[in-house]
Amino acid sequence: MLRVVSLTLVILAAGVSSAAADPRADDLTICRDRQAEAQARASACESLLKAEQLGGKDKAIALSVRGNTQINKRDYDHAIETLSIALDLDPDHVIALNLRGLAYERSGKEDLAIADYNLALQKRPTYGVPYNNRGVIQLRRGALQSALDDFSLSIKYTPKFLLGWTNRARVRTLMKDFDGALADFAVAETIDPAAPQIAGNRCITYGMMRQFDQAFADCNRLIEKQPKNVFAINNRADVNMMKGDFDAALTDYNTAIQINPNNVRAHSGRGQIYERRKDLAQARADYRAAAYSLTRFDEIDVARARATAQERLAALMPQTPGSAPTGRRVALVIGNGAYKNVHALPNPPRDSKLIASVLREVGFQTVISASDLTREKFFDALKAFAEEAEKADWAVVYYAGHGFEIGGVNYLVPVDAKLAADKDAETQAVALEQVIAAVGAARKMRLVVLDACRDNPFAPIMQRTLSLKLVDKGFSNIEPGAGFMVVYAAKHGETAIDGDGSANSPFATALAREIKQPRVEIRKLFDIIRDDVWAATRHEQQPFTYGSPPGREDFYFVAGK
């Protein structure tokens, strides 16, 4: 919910102007008009920029509108670049400063974001939106009084800004000023009675007040209107936890996970229930599913849930180094090819069998090989493998099949996935973070190999929503934590060659050949594989490695003598 809420911060236009409604209005008039309909304004500005018909402050305005669109598509790097050019043209353009701050914040660069918000407010102290945005960062950092002060200033200067009121209500709830929080929600209802964040967040306020009937009334009303609103379902689960009704909370968390198996809050909350019930293996599984992130930004609720999962996972991990045979190596090898709703891939099952065979040959004690996994079977396989990884020094996952990036998140695609719209990826596909979590329990080497940078097969039929960036080719770049290696068969944003249908893919062929070579340290080994694939594909495909294993030890698939 907060993600949906916070995206509204970047909307520059609220209504439809007469200029936008008049087909004779020129693009410049519409581009300048902050009250114009958002899509019409974006189109007008874009036309002017492409025609190179703008300069000075007008060009800065048009670039700020382009930057706003890029933020809505979660294309933050390009948004920062665009907005920086706008500010070079007009250093006093406070809207561009606020937007660039938001792009920095979503990129995990909070200090740069605050610097932009501060500068915008220095130039225009009565600009309410940057106060709210700065307050969100303070709230994420736990600086509640600073967040409260910023939200109050946002309300002072922009009294009709709904988020200022609902965000201040959330802070007041955390500070246990419940009367103040309810008063803020009441004002928010006068601005937009139907805003879902009012009931969704007030549900938590009433829960903390232990007024459970009112809490459930708010959450239930929202869930009745939006049965798949995972934010509301998680909030109701949290209220059930406050009440001590763990069975009801578990039901809600299970529902949330059934809708979205990648949901951090639901896994973190369910882990706490299993921990209370002394089912520590299941608790660790849920905490692992919530603990790992490949990006540097989380919404506030997600960040809090992830931090809890990370803390509890560390506390529950086996502490005895000798609890498993030293040198134990395990692998999960998946080849998805028999897709039901898009074109099939002939090679992944063949590639996965080749890699599984080679891993057994080089001495892996456990190699789980699976083909054509549905969503449910995919998550089951990751859960079972994570339990094996807990007892191992090495944990390796090799995946071949469809995979792509949507909205800044990398996904692997089960064979039964149906993606009518880009937003369906989080419920239909497997986030790469879940694969990272599966190898995360291993003590030393944690490796994920993805022979999956193929064209997005759903792209021709997939509805593209304004709020998501959709990449048709490949994966995006990632930032794995220390001690992890993630190897892509092709550089981010590019596609891997699948082979000719009778032979293995170039990447699988090189991987199978090179890992059998003795005394090749793993970092160098993947450099060799990169060069081999680059040469074999005549410079069409270049594998890429992110992260690295622990630095104080060398790792060999075949140690040699």
Protein backbone atom coordinates (compact mmCIF):
# COMPACT_ATOMS: atom_id res chain seq x y z
CA MET A 1 0.00 0.00 0.00
CA LEU A 2 2.71 2.52 0.86
CA ARG A 3 4.30 1.90 -2.53
CA VAL A 4 1.05 2.80 -4.24
CA VAL A 5 0.62 5.74 -1.92
CA SER A 6 4.10 7.11 -2.34
CA LEU A 7 4.01 6.94 -6.12
CA THR A 8 1.34 9.63 -6.01
CA LEU A 9 3.95 12.02 -4.70
CA VAL A 10 5.35 12.41 -8.18
CA ILE A 11 2.12 13.25 -9.92
CA LEU A 12 2.45 16.78 -11.20
CA ALA A 13 -1.04 17.23 -12.58
CA ALA A 14 -4.34 16.80 -10.79
CA GLY A 15 -7.07 17.88 -13.16
CA VAL A 16 -7.97 18.43 -16.77
CA SER A 17 -7.42 21.92 -18.09
CA SER A 18 -9.32 23.61 -20.84
CA ALA A 19 -6.08 23.67 -22.81
CA ALA A 20 -5.78 19.90 -22.66
CA ALA A 21 -9.42 19.54 -23.68
CA ASP A 22 -9.02 21.83 -26.68
CA PRO A 23 -7.53 19.87 -29.60
CA ARG A 24 -6.27 23.12 -31.10
CA ALA A 25 -4.14 23.96 -28.09
CA ASP A 26 -0.46 23.95 -28.93
CA ASP A 27 1.98 21.63 -27.25
CA LEU A 28 3.86 24.43 -25.52
CA THR A 29 0.75 25.68 -23.74
CA ILE A 30 -0.10 22.19 -22.52
CA CYS A 31 3.49 21.43 -21.52
CA ARG A 32 3.65 24.58 -19.39
CA ASP A 33 0.26 23.95 -17.77
CA ARG A 34 0.72 22.26 -14.38
CA GLN A 35 -3.04 21.67 -14.21
CA ALA A 36 -3.17 19.81 -17.52
CA GLU A 37 -4.09 16.13 -17.62
CA ALA A 38 -0.93 14.21 -16.82
CA GLN A 39 -0.70 11.99 -19.90
CA ALA A 40 -1.57 14.83 -22.27
CA ARG A 41 1.04 17.03 -20.67
CA ALA A 42 3.68 14.31 -20.85
CA SER A 43 2.93 13.74 -24.56
CA ALA A 44 3.07 17.46 -25.33
CA CYS A 45 6.38 17.93 -23.53
CA GLU A 46 7.85 14.84 -25.17
CA SER A 47 6.88 16.05 -28.64
CA LEU A 48 8.61 19.37 -28.02
CA LEU A 49 11.74 17.72 -26.67
CA LYS A 50 12.00 15.34 -29.61
CA ALA A 51 11.54 18.23 -32.04
CA GLU A 52 14.25 20.17 -30.19
CA GLN A 53 11.96 23.18 -30.07
CA LEU A 54 12.67 24.22 -26.49
CA GLY A 55 15.37 26.03 -24.57
CA GLY A 56 15.95 27.62 -21.18
CA LYS A 57 13.21 27.35 -18.57
CA ASP A 58 10.68 25.85 -20.98
CA LYS A 59 13.04 23.00 -21.70
CA ALA A 60 13.61 22.56 -17.96
CA ILE A 61 9.84 22.24 -17.47
CA ALA A 62 9.55 19.67 -20.24
CA LEU A 63 12.47 17.67 -18.85
CA SER A 64 10.93 17.69 -15.38
CA VAL A 65 7.75 16.19 -16.85
CA ARG A 66 9.85 13.54 -18.61
CA GLY A 67 11.67 12.84 -15.33
CA ASN A 68 8.34 12.46 -13.56
CA THR A 69 7.26 9.86 -16.13
CA GLN A 70 10.54 7.99 -15.70
CA ILE A 71 10.04 7.90 -11.91
CA ASN A 72 6.55 6.50 -12.39
CA LYS A 73 8.15 3.76 -14.51
CA ARG A 74 10.78 3.19 -11.79
CA ASP A 75 13.50 4.12 -14.25
CA TYR A 76 15.37 6.05 -11.58
CA ASP A 77 18.81 6.29 -13.17
CA HIS A 78 17.45 7.95 -16.28
CA ALA A 79 15.16 10.14 -14.16
CA ILE A 80 18.14 11.46 -12.20
CA GLU A 81 19.99 12.15 -15.45
CA THR A 82 16.99 13.93 -17.00
CA LEU A 83 16.25 16.04 -13.93
CA SER A 84 19.89 17.00 -13.52
CA ILE A 85 19.86 18.44 -17.05
CA ALA A 86 16.68 20.33 -16.19
CA LEU A 87 18.39 21.82 -13.12
CA ASP A 88 21.40 22.83 -15.18
CA LEU A 89 19.00 24.83 -17.34
CA ASP A 90 17.06 26.25 -14.38
CA PRO A 91 18.72 25.83 -10.96
CA ASP A 92 15.68 27.37 -9.24
CA HIS A 93 13.21 24.82 -10.63
CA VAL A 94 12.08 23.42 -7.28
CA ILE A 95 9.75 20.82 -8.81
CA ALA A 96 12.71 19.25 -10.58
CA LEU A 97 14.67 19.32 -7.30
CA ASN A 98 11.86 17.55 -5.47
CA LEU A 99 11.52 14.96 -8.21
CA ARG A 100 15.24 14.28 -8.36
CA GLY A 101 15.17 13.86 -4.59
CA LEU A 102 12.45 11.25 -4.98
CA ALA A 103 14.46 9.43 -7.67
CA TYR A 104 17.51 9.44 -5.39
CA GLU A 105 15.40 8.12 -2.51
CA ARG A 106 14.00 5.26 -4.60
CA SER A 107 17.56 4.43 -5.64
CA GLY A 108 18.54 4.05 -1.99
CA LYS A 109 20.57 7.29 -1.95
CA GLU A 110 18.79 8.91 0.96
CA ASP A 111 21.45 11.49 1.79
CA LEU A 112 21.35 12.85 -1.76
CA ALA A 113 17.56 12.83 -1.62
CA ILE A 114 17.51 14.87 1.57
CA ALA A 115 20.02 17.30 0.08
CA ASP A 116 17.66 17.92 -2.86
CA TYR A 117 14.62 18.26 -0.60
CA ASN A 118 16.52 20.71 1.60
CA LEU A 119 17.60 22.78 -1.39
CA ALA A 120 14.06 22.85 -2.77
CA LEU A 121 12.80 24.09 0.60
CA GLN A 122 15.58 26.63 0.88
CA LYS A 123 14.48 28.07 -2.46
CA ARG A 124 10.75 27.82 -1.66
CA PRO A 125 10.03 27.37 2.08
CA THR A 126 6.28 27.12 1.47
CA TYR A 127 6.53 24.11 -0.90
CA GLY A 128 4.67 21.39 1.00
CA VAL A 129 5.58 18.23 -0.94
CA PRO A 130 9.34 18.12 -0.12
CA TYR A 131 8.50 18.36 3.59
CA ASN A 132 6.36 15.23 3.21
CA ASN A 133 9.04 13.42 1.20
CA ARG A 134 11.75 14.27 3.71
CA GLY A 135 9.42 13.15 6.48
CA VAL A 136 9.06 9.73 4.82
CA ILE A 137 12.84 9.26 5.00
CA GLN A 138 12.86 10.33 8.65
CA LEU A 139 10.07 7.84 9.35
CA ARG A 140 12.01 5.07 7.62
CA ARG A 141 15.01 5.93 9.78
CA GLY A 142 12.93 5.86 12.97
CA ALA A 143 13.34 9.60 13.66
CA LEU A 144 9.70 9.98 14.62
CA GLN A 145 9.79 13.56 15.96
CA SER A 146 11.60 14.83 12.88
CA ALA A 147 9.10 12.99 10.67
CA LEU A 148 6.21 14.50 12.65
CA ASP A 149 7.63 18.00 12.26
CA ASP A 150 8.05 17.55 8.50
CA PHE A 151 4.56 16.16 7.97
CA SER A 152 3.12 19.04 10.02
CA LEU A 153 4.92 21.56 7.80
CA SER A 154 3.66 19.74 4.71
CA ILE A 155 0.11 20.08 6.05
CA LYS A 156 0.66 23.75 6.96
CA TYR A 157 1.70 24.73 3.45
CA THR A 158 -0.40 22.20 1.47
CA PRO A 159 -3.50 21.58 3.59
CA LYS A 160 -5.31 19.59 0.88
CA PHE A 161 -2.42 17.15 0.39
CA LEU A 162 -3.88 13.81 1.50
CA LEU A 163 -0.55 12.09 2.12
CA GLY A 164 0.55 14.73 4.57
CA TRP A 165 -2.42 13.90 6.79
CA THR A 166 -2.22 10.11 6.49
CA ASN A 167 1.55 10.07 7.00
CA ARG A 168 1.29 12.26 10.08
CA ALA A 169 -1.43 9.93 11.36
CA ARG A 170 0.94 6.99 10.96
CA VAL A 171 3.69 8.75 12.90
CA ARG A 172 1.28 9.77 15.64
CA THR A 173 0.17 6.14 15.84
CA LEU A 174 3.77 5.00 16.34
CA MET A 175 4.19 7.72 18.99
CA LYS A 176 0.95 6.47 20.63
CA ASP A 177 -0.81 9.80 20.12
CA PHE A 178 -3.90 7.93 19.06
CA ASP A 179 -6.35 10.83 19.39
CA GLY A 180 -4.14 12.94 17.15
CA ALA A 181 -3.87 10.11 14.62
CA LEU A 182 -7.64 9.64 14.47
CA ALA A 183 -8.12 13.39 14.05
CA ASP A 184 -5.69 13.35 11.10
CA PHE A 185 -7.51 10.43 9.48
CA ALA A 186 -10.79 12.34 9.92
CA VAL A 187 -9.39 15.33 8.02
CA ALA A 188 -8.04 12.99 5.33
CA GLU A 189 -11.56 11.61 4.87
CA THR A 190 -12.85 15.11 4.11
CA ILE A 191 -10.26 15.36 1.32
CA ASP A 192 -10.91 11.91 -0.20
CA PRO A 193 -13.38 9.65 1.64
CA ALA A 194 -12.57 6.71 -0.64
CA ALA A 195 -8.77 6.79 -0.25
CA PRO A 196 -7.81 3.20 0.67
CA GLN A 197 -4.80 4.23 2.77
CA ILE A 198 -7.12 5.81 5.32
CA ALA A 199 -8.93 2.62 6.34
CA GLY A 200 -5.82 0.50 5.79
CA ASN A 201 -3.65 2.53 8.14
CA ARG A 202 -6.37 3.41 10.64
CA CYS A 203 -6.90 -0.32 11.07
CA ILE A 204 -3.43 -0.46 12.66
CA THR A 205 -4.13 2.61 14.80
CA TYR A 206 -7.26 1.03 16.27
CA GLY A 207 -5.37 -2.24 16.74
CA MET A 208 -2.67 -0.51 18.77
CA MET A 209 -5.45 1.11 20.80
CA ARG A 210 -6.82 -2.43 21.35
CA GLN A 211 -10.13 -1.31 19.89
CA PHE A 212 -10.25 -4.44 17.79
CA ASP A 213 -13.84 -4.15 16.56
CA GLN A 214 -13.08 -0.79 14.94
CA ALA A 215 -9.77 -2.11 13.60
CA PHE A 216 -11.35 -5.11 11.92
CA ALA A 217 -14.20 -2.96 10.61
CA ASP A 218 -11.68 -0.80 8.74
CA CYS A 219 -9.58 -3.66 7.41
CA ASN A 220 -12.57 -5.84 6.52
CA ARG A 221 -14.29 -3.02 4.66
CA LEU A 222 -11.19 -2.45 2.55
CA ILE A 223 -10.65 -6.17 1.89
CA GLU A 224 -14.29 -6.58 0.84
CA LYS A 225 -13.74 -3.90 -1.79
CA GLN A 226 -10.29 -5.18 -2.78
CA PRO A 227 -10.05 -8.92 -1.94
CA LYS A 228 -6.45 -9.14 -3.21
CA ASN A 229 -5.18 -6.06 -1.38
CA VAL A 230 -2.19 -7.70 0.30
CA PHE A 231 -1.40 -4.53 2.27
CA ALA A 232 -4.82 -4.66 3.96
CA ILE A 233 -4.62 -8.42 4.51
CA ASN A 234 -1.22 -8.04 6.17
CA ASN A 235 -2.53 -5.21 8.33
CA ARG A 236 -5.43 -7.36 9.47
CA ALA A 237 -2.97 -10.14 10.24
CA ASP A 238 -0.90 -7.69 12.29
CA VAL A 239 -4.01 -6.68 14.24
CA ASN A 240 -4.78 -10.35 14.90
CA MET A 241 -1.22 -10.66 16.24
CA MET A 242 -1.86 -7.72 18.56
CA LYS A 243 -5.04 -9.41 19.76
CA GLY A 244 -3.21 -12.69 20.32
CA ASP A 245 -5.30 -14.59 17.79
CA PHE A 246 -2.41 -16.33 16.08
CA ASP A 247 -4.61 -18.77 14.17
CA ALA A 248 -6.44 -15.89 12.47
CA ALA A 249 -3.16 -14.09 11.85
CA LEU A 250 -1.69 -17.23 10.27
CA THR A 251 -4.73 -17.55 8.02
CA ASP A 252 -4.25 -13.98 6.80
CA TYR A 253 -0.51 -14.33 6.25
CA ASN A 254 -1.14 -17.56 4.33
CA THR A 255 -3.71 -15.76 2.20
CA ALA A 256 -1.26 -12.95 1.48
CA ILE A 257 1.45 -15.45 0.49
CA GLN A 258 -0.98 -17.37 -1.72
CA ILE A 259 -1.73 -14.12 -3.56
CA ASN A 260 1.88 -12.98 -3.61
CA PRO A 261 4.45 -15.65 -2.69
CA ASN A 262 7.20 -13.00 -2.78
CA ASN A 263 5.60 -10.80 -0.12
CA VAL A 264 8.13 -9.75 2.53
CA ARG A 265 5.67 -8.66 5.23
CA ALA A 266 3.66 -11.87 5.11
CA HIS A 267 6.73 -14.10 5.33
CA SER A 268 8.17 -12.07 8.19
CA GLY A 269 4.91 -12.13 10.12
CA ARG A 270 4.31 -15.82 9.52
CA GLY A 271 7.87 -16.56 10.62
CA GLN A 272 7.12 -14.94 13.97
CA ILE A 273 4.10 -17.21 14.47
CA TYR A 274 6.09 -20.33 13.64
CA GLU A 275 8.85 -19.21 15.96
CA ARG A 276 6.33 -18.78 18.78
CA ARG A 277 5.12 -22.31 18.06
CA LYS A 278 8.70 -23.68 18.14
CA ASP A 279 8.57 -24.73 14.49
CA LEU A 280 12.01 -23.26 13.94
CA ALA A 281 12.68 -24.84 10.54
CA GLN A 282 9.56 -23.23 9.09
CA ALA A 283 10.33 -19.97 10.90
CA ARG A 284 13.79 -19.86 9.34
CA ALA A 285 12.29 -20.61 5.92
CA ASP A 286 9.93 -17.66 6.21
CA TYR A 287 12.57 -15.34 7.61
CA ARG A 288 14.89 -16.27 4.74
CA ALA A 289 12.13 -15.47 2.25
CA ALA A 290 11.86 -11.98 3.77
CA ALA A 291 15.46 -11.25 4.65
CA TYR A 292 17.28 -10.83 1.35
CA SER A 293 17.08 -7.85 -0.97
CA LEU A 294 18.84 -7.07 -4.24
CA THR A 295 17.89 -3.39 -4.19
CA ARG A 296 18.62 -0.55 -1.78
CA PHE A 297 15.10 0.75 -1.25
CA ASP A 298 12.13 -0.67 0.63
CA GLU A 299 8.84 0.95 1.50
CA ILE A 300 8.54 1.67 5.22
CA ASP A 301 6.39 -1.34 6.15
CA VAL A 302 8.55 -3.65 4.05
CA ALA A 303 11.77 -2.26 5.54
CA ARG A 304 10.50 -2.85 9.06
CA ALA A 305 9.41 -6.41 8.25
CA ARG A 306 12.68 -7.19 6.51
CA ALA A 307 14.71 -5.90 9.45
CA THR A 308 12.73 -8.15 11.81
CA ALA A 309 13.28 -11.14 9.53
CA GLN A 310 17.02 -10.48 9.31
CA GLU A 311 17.33 -10.16 13.09
CA ARG A 312 15.35 -13.31 13.86
CA LEU A 313 17.05 -15.34 11.12
CA ALA A 314 20.46 -14.51 12.57
CA ALA A 315 19.25 -15.53 16.02
CA LEU A 316 17.83 -18.86 14.82
CA MET A 317 20.61 -20.02 12.52
CA PRO A 318 22.57 -23.05 13.76
CA GLN A 319 25.68 -21.77 15.52
CA THR A 320 27.79 -24.92 15.67
CA PRO A 321 30.33 -25.01 12.81
CA GLY A 322 30.61 -28.78 13.01
CA SER A 323 26.89 -29.45 12.66
CA ALA A 324 27.41 -30.69 9.07
CA PRO A 325 30.20 -32.54 7.30
CA THR A 326 32.87 -30.10 6.21
CA GLY A 327 33.02 -29.43 2.50
CA ARG A 328 29.43 -30.49 1.83
CA ARG A 329 28.17 -29.07 -1.48
CA VAL A 330 24.55 -29.05 -2.65
CA ALA A 331 22.84 -27.79 -5.79
CA LEU A 332 19.38 -27.16 -7.17
CA VAL A 333 19.16 -27.33 -10.98
CA ILE A 334 15.97 -26.16 -12.74
CA GLY A 335 15.11 -26.25 -16.43
CA ASN A 336 11.78 -24.69 -17.38
CA GLY A 337 10.83 -25.18 -21.01
CA ALA A 338 7.26 -26.51 -21.33
CA TYR A 339 5.52 -23.16 -20.90
CA LYS A 340 1.74 -23.33 -21.09
CA ASN A 341 0.83 -19.75 -21.98
CA VAL A 342 3.78 -18.60 -24.11
CA HIS A 343 6.16 -20.27 -26.52
CA ALA A 344 8.07 -23.25 -25.16
CA LEU A 345 11.86 -23.41 -24.86
CA PRO A 346 13.38 -26.71 -26.01
CA ASN A 347 16.79 -26.28 -24.42
CA PRO A 348 16.36 -25.52 -20.68
CA PRO A 349 15.45 -29.09 -19.61
CA ARG A 350 18.35 -30.39 -21.69
CA ASP A 351 20.74 -27.75 -20.28
CA SER A 352 19.68 -28.43 -16.71
CA LYS A 353 20.27 -32.19 -17.09
CA LEU A 354 23.76 -31.48 -18.43
CA ILE A 355 24.64 -29.18 -15.53
CA ALA A 356 23.17 -31.55 -12.94
CA SER A 357 25.23 -34.40 -14.36
CA VAL A 358 28.45 -32.36 -14.27
CA LEU A 359 27.86 -31.20 -10.70
CA ARG A 360 27.44 -34.79 -9.58
CA GLU A 361 30.58 -35.67 -11.51
CA VAL A 362 32.66 -33.05 -9.68
CA GLY A 363 31.54 -34.31 -6.29
CA PHE A 364 28.41 -32.44 -5.16
CA GLN A 365 26.84 -34.63 -2.49
CA THR A 366 23.26 -33.54 -3.26
CA VAL A 367 21.98 -32.39 -6.64
CA ILE A 368 18.23 -31.78 -6.89
CA SER A 369 17.23 -31.67 -10.55
CA ALA A 370 13.78 -30.47 -11.61
CA SER A 371 12.14 -29.49 -14.89
CA ASP A 372 9.03 -27.58 -15.91
CA LEU A 373 8.07 -26.27 -12.47
CA THR A 374 4.75 -24.57 -11.84
CA ARG A 375 4.65 -21.63 -9.45
CA GLU A 376 3.71 -23.84 -6.50
CA LYS A 377 6.34 -26.47 -7.34
CA PHE A 378 8.98 -23.78 -7.86
CA PHE A 379 8.52 -22.36 -4.37
CA ASP A 380 8.36 -25.88 -2.89
CA ALA A 381 11.68 -26.70 -4.54
CA LEU A 382 13.31 -23.55 -3.17
CA LYS A 383 12.05 -24.28 0.33
CA ALA A 384 13.30 -27.88 0.26
CA PHE A 385 16.66 -26.80 -1.12
CA ALA A 386 17.09 -24.10 1.54
CA GLU A 387 16.86 -26.82 4.18
CA GLU A 388 19.68 -28.67 2.41
CA ALA A 389 21.71 -25.46 2.16
CA GLU A 390 21.57 -25.03 5.94
CA LYS A 391 23.69 -28.19 6.22
CA ALA A 392 26.19 -27.28 3.54
CA ASP A 393 29.27 -25.17 2.87
CA TRP A 394 28.33 -24.64 -0.80
CA ALA A 395 24.84 -23.97 -2.16
CA VAL A 396 24.40 -23.53 -5.91
CA VAL A 397 21.25 -22.85 -7.92
CA TYR A 398 21.30 -23.13 -11.71
CA TYR A 399 18.18 -21.98 -13.56
CA ALA A 400 17.42 -22.13 -17.28
CA GLY A 401 14.13 -20.81 -18.64
CA HIS A 402 12.29 -17.56 -19.17
CA GLY A 403 13.33 -14.65 -17.00
CA PHE A 404 13.11 -10.88 -17.14
CA GLU A 405 12.97 -7.66 -15.12
CA ILE A 406 9.83 -5.71 -14.36
CA GLY A 407 9.67 -2.59 -12.20
CA GLY A 408 13.24 -3.00 -10.99
CA VAL A 409 12.71 -6.59 -9.79
CA ASN A 410 14.16 -9.66 -11.53
CA TYR A 411 11.81 -12.61 -11.97
CA LEU A 412 12.11 -16.26 -12.99
CA VAL A 413 9.03 -17.61 -14.75
CA PRO A 414 7.18 -20.82 -13.78
CA VAL A 415 5.68 -22.79 -16.64
CA ASP A 416 2.09 -21.98 -15.63
CA ALA A 417 2.57 -18.21 -15.29
CA LYS A 418 -0.11 -15.93 -16.73
CA LEU A 419 0.99 -12.31 -17.04
CA ALA A 420 -1.84 -10.27 -18.52
CA ALA A 421 -0.24 -7.11 -17.10
CA ASP A 422 3.25 -6.26 -15.92
CA LYS A 423 2.04 -5.93 -12.32
CA ASP A 424 1.08 -9.64 -12.33
CA ALA A 425 4.76 -10.61 -12.16
CA GLU A 426 4.93 -10.34 -8.36
CA THR A 427 2.09 -12.82 -7.95
CA GLN A 428 2.75 -15.14 -10.91
CA ALA A 429 6.56 -15.34 -11.03
CA VAL A 430 9.45 -16.01 -8.64
CA ALA A 431 11.46 -13.00 -7.51
CA LEU A 432 15.20 -13.51 -7.71
CA GLU A 433 15.40 -12.58 -4.03
CA GLN A 434 13.65 -15.86 -3.23
CA VAL A 435 16.40 -17.78 -5.02
CA ILE A 436 19.04 -15.77 -3.18
CA ALA A 437 17.28 -16.69 0.05
CA ALA A 438 17.45 -20.40 -0.82
CA VAL A 439 21.25 -20.36 -1.06
CA GLY A 440 21.64 -17.89 1.80
CA ALA A 441 21.87 -20.49 4.55
CA ALA A 442 25.08 -22.06 3.22
CA ARG A 443 28.15 -21.26 5.29
CA LYS A 444 30.62 -20.32 2.55
CA MET A 445 29.84 -20.36 -1.17
CA ARG A 446 26.42 -19.03 -2.22
CA LEU A 447 26.06 -19.09 -6.00
CA VAL A 448 23.11 -18.47 -8.33
CA VAL A 449 23.59 -19.06 -12.07
CA LEU A 450 20.90 -17.75 -14.41
CA ASP A 451 20.84 -18.98 -18.00
CA ALA A 452 17.65 -17.00 -18.39
CA CYS A 453 18.25 -13.64 -20.06
CA ARG A 454 15.80 -14.28 -22.88
CA ASP A 455 13.21 -12.05 -24.51
CA ASN A 456 10.14 -11.48 -22.37
CA PRO A 457 7.62 -13.81 -24.06
CA PHE A 458 4.66 -11.98 -22.52
CA ALA A 459 5.66 -8.56 -23.90
CA PRO A 460 3.44 -8.64 -27.03
CA ILE A 461 0.28 -9.29 -25.00
CA MET A 462 1.16 -7.76 -21.63
CA GLN A 463 -0.63 -4.62 -20.53
CA ARG A 464 1.89 -2.01 -19.43
CA THR A 465 0.87 0.07 -16.46
CA LEU A 466 2.13 3.62 -15.99
CA SER A 467 3.66 2.86 -12.61
CA LEU A 468 5.97 0.08 -13.79
CA LYS A 469 9.05 -0.06 -15.95
CA LEU A 470 8.95 -3.08 -18.24
CA VAL A 471 12.14 -4.40 -19.76
CA ASP A 472 11.53 -6.61 -22.80
CA LYS A 473 15.01 -8.07 -22.72
CA GLY A 474 16.96 -9.69 -19.95
CA PHE A 475 17.50 -8.77 -16.34
CA SER A 476 18.47 -5.56 -14.61
CA ASN A 477 21.68 -5.06 -12.71
CA ILE A 478 21.56 -6.04 -9.04
CA GLU A 479 23.50 -5.59 -5.81
CA PRO A 480 23.82 -8.92 -3.97
CA GLY A 481 25.06 -8.83 -0.42
CA ALA A 482 28.53 -9.85 0.69
CA GLY A 483 29.29 -13.53 0.18
CA PHE A 484 26.93 -14.06 -2.78
CA MET A 485 27.68 -14.54 -6.48
CA VAL A 486 25.00 -14.12 -9.13
CA VAL A 487 26.04 -15.03 -12.66
CA TYR A 488 23.93 -14.04 -15.65
CA ALA A 489 24.30 -15.86 -18.95
CA ALA A 490 24.04 -12.45 -20.63
CA LYS A 491 24.77 -8.91 -19.53
CA HIS A 492 21.80 -7.08 -17.99
CA GLY A 493 19.32 -5.83 -20.55
CA GLU A 494 20.55 -8.32 -23.16
CA THR A 495 19.33 -11.77 -24.17
CA ALA A 496 20.96 -15.19 -24.04
CA ILE A 497 21.04 -17.53 -27.01
CA ASP A 498 19.02 -20.68 -26.39
CA GLY A 499 20.81 -22.99 -28.80
CA ASP A 500 19.43 -24.48 -32.00
CA GLY A 501 17.03 -26.93 -30.36
CA SER A 502 19.31 -29.92 -30.68
CA ALA A 503 22.43 -28.68 -28.89
CA ASN A 504 22.91 -27.10 -25.49
CA SER A 505 22.98 -23.34 -25.12
CA PRO A 506 26.39 -21.66 -25.51
CA PHE A 507 26.43 -20.72 -21.84
CA ALA A 508 25.48 -24.20 -20.55
CA THR A 509 28.08 -25.75 -22.87
CA ALA A 510 30.86 -23.49 -21.58
CA LEU A 511 29.78 -23.89 -17.95
CA ALA A 512 29.70 -27.69 -18.15
CA ARG A 513 33.12 -27.79 -19.77
CA GLU A 514 34.94 -25.34 -17.52
CA ILE A 515 33.72 -26.43 -14.08
CA LYS A 516 35.41 -29.81 -14.66
CA GLN A 517 38.81 -28.16 -15.02
CA PRO A 518 40.97 -28.64 -11.89
CA ARG A 519 42.47 -25.80 -9.88
CA VAL A 520 40.51 -22.95 -11.47
CA GLU A 521 39.34 -20.58 -8.76
CA ILE A 522 35.66 -19.71 -9.13
CA ARG A 523 36.17 -16.01 -9.83
CA LYS A 524 38.55 -16.78 -12.68
CA LEU A 525 36.39 -19.66 -13.86
CA PHE A 526 33.46 -17.37 -14.65
CA ASP A 527 35.82 -14.95 -16.39
CA ILE A 528 36.88 -17.84 -18.63
CA ILE A 529 33.26 -18.81 -19.25
CA ARG A 530 32.49 -15.20 -20.17
CA ASP A 531 35.29 -15.19 -22.73
CA ASP A 532 34.27 -18.58 -24.12
CA VAL A 533 30.64 -17.54 -24.63
CA TRP A 534 31.67 -14.18 -26.08
CA ALA A 535 33.81 -15.98 -28.65
CA ALA A 536 31.32 -18.80 -29.37
CA THR A 537 28.48 -16.35 -30.05
CA ARG A 538 30.64 -14.05 -32.18
CA HIS A 539 30.31 -11.23 -29.68
CA GLU A 540 26.52 -11.48 -29.42
CA GLN A 541 26.36 -12.68 -25.81
CA GLN A 542 28.46 -11.68 -22.83
CA PRO A 543 27.89 -13.31 -19.42
CA PHE A 544 28.10 -11.06 -16.40
CA THR A 545 28.86 -11.66 -12.72
CA TYR A 546 27.60 -9.67 -9.74
CA GLY A 547 28.91 -9.96 -6.20
CA SER A 548 31.67 -12.27 -5.04
CA PRO A 549 32.28 -15.11 -2.57
CA PRO A 550 34.01 -14.48 0.77
CA GLY A 551 37.39 -12.92 0.07
CA ARG A 552 39.65 -14.83 2.47
CA GLU A 553 39.26 -18.22 0.81
CA ASP A 554 39.65 -19.69 -2.67
CA PHE A 555 36.86 -21.84 -4.09
CA TYR A 556 37.25 -24.62 -6.66
CA PHE A 557 34.67 -26.87 -8.29
CA VAL A 558 37.57 -29.34 -8.77
CA ALA A 559 40.42 -28.82 -6.35
CA GLY A 560 42.92 -31.05 -8.12
CA LYS A 561 46.20 -32.08 -6.53
